[in-house]
C-alpha cells in the first residue's frame, strides 16, 4: 500500500526537524521509514518534498527535487 502524501510529508518534516537547520538527509531515509520496499516510493517522496518548505541540494547547489537527476539532500532552509 502506498503511503499518503500526508504520511510522506510527516516523515520528511520529522527527519528535517530531527537534524535541525544546517543538516541534511537523503530522501531515501524517509522512504525507508515508510516501507521495506522503499525504492518505488522515491518519486512520491521527491514530489511531496517539492511542496514543503524544505531546501533541496545536490553537491552543495540548490536544485528542484522534481527535476534533479541523481542523489539529492533535503533539509530545513537556513
Protein backbone atom coordinates (compact mmCIF):
# COMPACT_ATOMS: atom_id res chain seq x y z
CA UNK A 1 0.00 0.00 0.00
CA UNK A 2 1.35 3.40 -0.99
CA UNK A 3 1.54 5.88 1.89
CA UNK A 4 -0.50 9.07 1.65
CA UNK A 5 1.09 12.40 0.81
CA UNK A 6 0.38 13.48 4.39
CA UNK A 7 2.25 10.47 5.78
CA UNK A 8 5.20 11.20 3.49
CA UNK A 9 5.18 14.88 4.48
CA UNK A 10 5.10 13.98 8.17
CA UNK A 11 8.16 11.74 7.85
CA UNK A 12 10.06 14.30 5.75
CA UNK A 13 9.38 17.13 8.19
CA UNK A 14 10.16 14.93 11.19
CA UNK A 15 13.55 13.99 9.72
CA UNK A 16 14.29 17.63 8.87
CA UNK A 17 13.44 18.81 12.38
CA UNK A 18 15.41 15.97 13.98
CA UNK A 19 18.50 17.07 12.05
CA UNK A 20 17.95 20.81 12.52
CA UNK A 21 18.97 23.79 10.43
CA UNK A 22 22.21 23.29 8.52
CA UNK A 23 21.93 19.49 8.44
CA UNK A 24 20.52 17.41 5.60
CA UNK A 25 19.21 13.93 4.93
CA UNK A 26 18.69 11.72 1.92
CA UNK A 27 15.08 11.35 0.76
CA UNK A 28 15.63 7.59 0.81
CA UNK A 29 15.73 7.80 4.63
CA UNK A 30 12.09 8.90 4.55
CA UNK A 31 11.15 6.23 2.02
CA UNK A 32 12.80 3.55 4.18
CA UNK A 33 10.76 4.63 7.19
CA UNK A 34 7.58 4.30 5.14
CA UNK A 35 8.14 0.88 3.57
CA UNK A 36 10.52 -2.07 3.41
CA UNK A 37 10.06 -1.88 -0.37
CA UNK A 38 11.15 1.78 -0.43
CA UNK A 39 12.60 2.29 -3.91
CA UNK A 40 9.20 2.62 -5.66
CA UNK A 41 8.35 5.44 -3.21
CA UNK A 42 11.22 7.71 -4.23
CA UNK A 43 9.29 9.63 -6.90
CA UNK A 44 6.46 10.30 -4.44
CA UNK A 45 8.89 11.34 -1.72
CA UNK A 46 10.57 13.86 -4.05
CA UNK A 47 7.18 15.10 -5.29
CA UNK A 48 5.93 15.71 -1.76
CA UNK A 49 9.27 17.26 -0.71
CA UNK A 50 8.85 19.81 -3.50
CA UNK A 51 5.61 21.02 -1.88
CA UNK A 52 7.17 21.54 1.55
CA UNK A 53 9.39 24.27 2.91
CA UNK A 54 12.48 22.10 2.58
CA UNK A 55 15.71 23.00 0.84
CA UNK A 56 16.88 20.51 -1.79
CA UNK A 57 20.54 20.42 -2.77
CA UNK A 58 22.94 18.41 -4.88
CA UNK A 59 26.69 18.80 -4.50
CA UNK A 60 26.05 21.94 -2.45
CA UNK A 61 23.87 23.62 -5.09
CA UNK A 62 20.14 24.29 -4.76
CA UNK A 63 18.08 22.04 -7.03
CA UNK A 64 14.46 21.26 -7.77
CA UNK A 65 13.71 17.85 -6.26
CA UNK A 66 11.38 17.09 -9.17
CA UNK A 67 13.92 17.61 -11.93
CA UNK A 68 17.29 16.85 -10.30
CA UNK A 69 18.97 13.73 -11.61
CA UNK A 70 20.84 11.59 -9.14
CA UNK A 71 21.03 11.79 -5.36
CA UNK A 72 19.83 14.90 -3.55
CA UNK A 73 19.79 16.04 0.04
CA UNK A 74 16.91 17.70 1.89
CA UNK A 75 16.97 19.96 4.91
CA UNK A 76 15.41 22.92 6.62
CA UNK A 77 16.10 26.23 4.91
CA UNK A 78 18.84 28.21 6.61
